Amino acid sequence: MELTTGIFKAAENIYRNNKGSILRTIVYTIGHFIIAITVLMLVADVSFMIALTDAIVEPIANSIWYFILDKWWASKSKN
């Protein structure tokens, strides 16, 4: 029980300290899913399932990159 409580408290602290970056990252990721599926289906003429798979895997990597970039950018903007 203490371990679970500790994990939830840690997650809450991470969210509270990074709320803006996390919310922007989620919005960016959802938009990227939609754009990637659409482009793959139109340009590469692949099925929806193949487009969906690629559209999920690739933006997850991009969203992690964006979060790191946003945190770095925000730290430089304060100076």
N, C-alpha and C. Protein backbone atom coordinates (compact mmCIF):
# COMPACT_ATOMS: atom_id res chain seq x y z
N MET A 1 0.82 -1.19 0.00
CA MET A 1 0.00 0.00 0.00
C MET A 1 0.87 1.26 0.00
N GLU A 2 1.94 1.26 0.79
CA GLU A 2 2.82 2.43 0.84
C GLU A 2 3.50 2.66 -0.50
N LEU A 3 3.88 1.59 -1.18
CA LEU A 3 4.52 1.70 -2.48
C LEU A 3 3.57 2.35 -3.49
N THR A 4 2.33 1.90 -3.51
CA THR A 4 1.33 2.46 -4.41
C THR A 4 1.11 3.94 -4.11
N THR A 5 0.98 4.28 -2.86
CA THR A 5 0.79 5.68 -2.46
C THR A 5 1.99 6.51 -2.91
N GLY A 6 3.18 6.00 -2.74
CA GLY A 6 4.40 6.71 -3.15
C GLY A 6 4.44 6.93 -4.65
N ILE A 7 4.03 5.93 -5.42
CA ILE A 7 4.03 6.05 -6.87
C ILE A 7 3.04 7.12 -7.31
N PHE A 8 1.83 7.10 -6.72
CA PHE A 8 0.83 8.11 -7.08
C PHE A 8 1.26 9.51 -6.67
N LYS A 9 1.91 9.64 -5.54
CA LYS A 9 2.40 10.96 -5.10
C LYS A 9 3.50 11.45 -6.03
N ALA A 10 4.38 10.55 -6.44
CA ALA A 10 5.45 10.93 -7.37
C ALA A 10 4.85 11.36 -8.71
N ALA A 11 3.88 10.61 -9.22
CA ALA A 11 3.23 10.96 -10.48
C ALA A 11 2.52 12.32 -10.36
N GLU A 12 1.87 12.54 -9.24
CA GLU A 12 1.19 13.81 -9.01
C GLU A 12 2.19 14.97 -9.00
N ASN A 13 3.34 14.78 -8.36
CA ASN A 13 4.36 15.82 -8.33
C ASN A 13 4.91 16.10 -9.72
N ILE A 14 5.15 15.05 -10.49
CA ILE A 14 5.65 15.22 -11.86
C ILE A 14 4.63 16.00 -12.67
N TYR A 15 3.35 15.62 -12.57
CA TYR A 15 2.30 16.32 -13.31
C TYR A 15 2.21 17.79 -12.87
N ARG A 16 2.18 18.02 -11.58
CA ARG A 16 2.04 19.39 -11.06
C ARG A 16 3.20 20.27 -11.53
N ASN A 17 4.40 19.74 -11.53
CA ASN A 17 5.58 20.52 -11.91
C ASN A 17 5.75 20.69 -13.41
N ASN A 18 5.03 19.88 -14.21
CA ASN A 18 5.19 19.92 -15.66
C ASN A 18 3.86 20.02 -16.40
N LYS A 19 2.83 20.52 -15.73
CA LYS A 19 1.47 20.51 -16.30
C LYS A 19 1.41 21.13 -17.69
N GLY A 20 1.97 22.30 -17.87
CA GLY A 20 1.91 22.97 -19.16
C GLY A 20 2.56 22.16 -20.26
N SER A 21 3.75 21.67 -20.00
CA SER A 21 4.46 20.87 -21.00
C SER A 21 3.72 19.58 -21.31
N ILE A 22 3.19 18.93 -20.30
CA ILE A 22 2.49 17.67 -20.51
C ILE A 22 1.22 17.89 -21.33
N LEU A 23 0.45 18.91 -21.02
CA LEU A 23 -0.78 19.19 -21.77
C LEU A 23 -0.48 19.54 -23.23
N ARG A 24 0.52 20.38 -23.46
CA ARG A 24 0.90 20.71 -24.84
C ARG A 24 1.38 19.46 -25.58
N THR A 25 2.10 18.61 -24.90
CA THR A 25 2.59 17.38 -25.51
C THR A 25 1.44 16.45 -25.90
N ILE A 26 0.43 16.35 -25.06
CA ILE A 26 -0.73 15.50 -25.36
C ILE A 26 -1.48 16.03 -26.57
N VAL A 27 -1.72 17.34 -26.62
CA VAL A 27 -2.43 17.94 -27.76
C VAL A 27 -1.62 17.72 -29.05
N TYR A 28 -0.33 17.97 -28.98
CA TYR A 28 0.55 17.76 -30.13
C TYR A 28 0.48 16.31 -30.60
N THR A 29 0.52 15.37 -29.68
CA THR A 29 0.53 13.95 -30.03
C THR A 29 -0.77 13.52 -30.70
N ILE A 30 -1.89 13.96 -30.19
CA ILE A 30 -3.18 13.62 -30.80
C ILE A 30 -3.26 14.18 -32.22
N GLY A 31 -2.86 15.42 -32.39
CA GLY A 31 -2.84 16.02 -33.72
C GLY A 31 -1.92 15.26 -34.67
N HIS A 32 -0.78 14.86 -34.14
CA HIS A 32 0.17 14.12 -34.96
C HIS A 32 -0.41 12.76 -35.40
N PHE A 33 -1.12 12.07 -34.52
CA PHE A 33 -1.77 10.81 -34.89
C PHE A 33 -2.69 11.03 -36.09
N ILE A 34 -3.54 12.04 -36.00
CA ILE A 34 -4.52 12.30 -37.05
C ILE A 34 -3.84 12.67 -38.36
N ILE A 35 -2.86 13.55 -38.29
CA ILE A 35 -2.15 13.98 -39.49
C ILE A 35 -1.40 12.82 -40.12
N ALA A 36 -0.70 12.03 -39.31
CA ALA A 36 0.09 10.91 -39.84
C ALA A 36 -0.79 9.87 -40.52
N ILE A 37 -1.91 9.52 -39.92
CA ILE A 37 -2.83 8.55 -40.53
C ILE A 37 -3.32 9.07 -41.88
N THR A 38 -3.75 10.32 -41.90
CA THR A 38 -4.28 10.91 -43.12
C THR A 38 -3.23 10.94 -44.23
N VAL A 39 -2.03 11.42 -43.91
CA VAL A 39 -0.97 11.52 -44.92
C VAL A 39 -0.57 10.14 -45.43
N LEU A 40 -0.39 9.19 -44.53
CA LEU A 40 0.00 7.84 -44.97
C LEU A 40 -1.05 7.21 -45.88
N MET A 41 -2.32 7.39 -45.53
CA MET A 41 -3.37 6.79 -46.36
C MET A 41 -3.45 7.47 -47.72
N LEU A 42 -3.25 8.78 -47.77
CA LEU A 42 -3.35 9.51 -49.03
C LEU A 42 -2.10 9.40 -49.90
N VAL A 43 -0.94 9.55 -49.29
CA VAL A 43 0.31 9.59 -50.05
C VAL A 43 0.87 8.19 -50.32
N ALA A 44 0.92 7.36 -49.29
CA ALA A 44 1.53 6.04 -49.44
C ALA A 44 0.52 4.98 -49.83
N ASP A 45 -0.77 5.33 -49.82
CA ASP A 45 -1.83 4.40 -50.20
C ASP A 45 -1.75 3.09 -49.40
N VAL A 46 -1.61 3.23 -48.09
CA VAL A 46 -1.58 2.04 -47.22
C VAL A 46 -2.93 1.90 -46.53
N SER A 47 -3.16 0.74 -45.98
CA SER A 47 -4.43 0.49 -45.29
C SER A 47 -4.49 1.31 -43.99
N PHE A 48 -5.69 1.44 -43.47
CA PHE A 48 -5.89 2.19 -42.23
C PHE A 48 -5.09 1.56 -41.08
N MET A 49 -5.07 0.24 -40.97
CA MET A 49 -4.36 -0.42 -39.86
C MET A 49 -2.86 -0.18 -39.92
N ILE A 50 -2.28 -0.22 -41.11
CA ILE A 50 -0.84 0.06 -41.24
C ILE A 50 -0.58 1.53 -40.90
N ALA A 51 -1.41 2.41 -41.41
CA ALA A 51 -1.26 3.84 -41.12
C ALA A 51 -1.42 4.10 -39.62
N LEU A 52 -2.38 3.44 -39.00
CA LEU A 52 -2.61 3.61 -37.57
C LEU A 52 -1.40 3.15 -36.76
N THR A 53 -0.85 2.00 -37.13
CA THR A 53 0.33 1.49 -36.41
C THR A 53 1.49 2.47 -36.50
N ASP A 54 1.80 2.92 -37.71
CA ASP A 54 2.89 3.88 -37.88
C ASP A 54 2.58 5.20 -37.19
N ALA A 55 1.33 5.61 -37.27
CA ALA A 55 0.93 6.89 -36.69
C ALA A 55 0.98 6.88 -35.16
N ILE A 56 0.95 5.73 -34.56
CA ILE A 56 1.05 5.64 -33.10
C ILE A 56 2.51 5.54 -32.66
N VAL A 57 3.27 4.68 -33.30
CA VAL A 57 4.66 4.44 -32.86
C VAL A 57 5.53 5.68 -33.08
N GLU A 58 5.49 6.25 -34.26
CA GLU A 58 6.37 7.38 -34.58
C GLU A 58 6.07 8.62 -33.74
N PRO A 59 4.81 9.01 -33.55
CA PRO A 59 4.55 10.19 -32.72
C PRO A 59 4.89 10.00 -31.25
N ILE A 60 4.83 8.79 -30.75
CA ILE A 60 5.23 8.58 -29.35
C ILE A 60 6.69 8.99 -29.19
N ALA A 61 7.53 8.57 -30.13
CA ALA A 61 8.94 8.98 -30.08
C ALA A 61 9.05 10.50 -30.22
N ASN A 62 8.27 11.08 -31.14
CA ASN A 62 8.29 12.54 -31.32
C ASN A 62 7.78 13.28 -30.09
N SER A 63 6.78 12.74 -29.42
CA SER A 63 6.24 13.43 -28.24
C SER A 63 7.24 13.44 -27.10
N ILE A 64 8.01 12.38 -26.97
CA ILE A 64 9.07 12.35 -25.95
C ILE A 64 10.12 13.41 -26.29
N TRP A 65 10.50 13.46 -27.57
CA TRP A 65 11.44 14.48 -28.02
C TRP A 65 10.89 15.88 -27.75
N TYR A 66 9.62 16.12 -28.08
CA TYR A 66 9.02 17.43 -27.88
C TYR A 66 9.02 17.82 -26.40
N PHE A 67 8.69 16.89 -25.52
CA PHE A 67 8.68 17.18 -24.08
C PHE A 67 10.07 17.62 -23.63
N ILE A 68 11.10 16.89 -24.05
CA ILE A 68 12.47 17.24 -23.68
C ILE A 68 12.82 18.62 -24.24
N LEU A 69 12.49 18.86 -25.51
CA LEU A 69 12.76 20.15 -26.13
C LEU A 69 12.03 21.28 -25.42
N ASP A 70 10.76 21.08 -25.08
CA ASP A 70 9.96 22.10 -24.41
C ASP A 70 10.53 22.42 -23.03
N LYS A 71 10.95 21.40 -22.29
CA LYS A 71 11.54 21.65 -20.97
C LYS A 71 12.84 22.44 -21.11
N TRP A 72 13.67 22.08 -22.09
CA TRP A 72 14.92 22.80 -22.31
C TRP A 72 14.63 24.24 -22.73
N TRP A 73 13.69 24.42 -23.66
CA TRP A 73 13.34 25.75 -24.16
C TRP A 73 12.82 26.63 -23.03
N ALA A 74 11.93 26.09 -22.21
CA ALA A 74 11.37 26.85 -21.10
C ALA A 74 12.46 27.24 -20.10
N SER A 75 13.44 26.37 -19.89
CA SER A 75 14.52 26.70 -18.94
C SER A 75 15.39 27.82 -19.49
N LYS A 76 15.56 27.89 -20.80
CA LYS A 76 16.38 28.95 -21.41
C LYS A 76 15.61 30.26 -21.48
N SER A 77 14.28 30.20 -21.57
CA SER A 77 13.46 31.40 -21.68
C SER A 77 13.40 32.17 -20.37
N LYS A 78 13.60 31.49 -19.26
CA LYS A 78 13.55 32.14 -17.94
C LYS A 78 14.75 33.03 -17.70
N ASN A 79 15.84 32.76 -18.40
CA ASN A 79 17.10 33.52 -18.18
C ASN A 79 17.08 34.85 -18.85
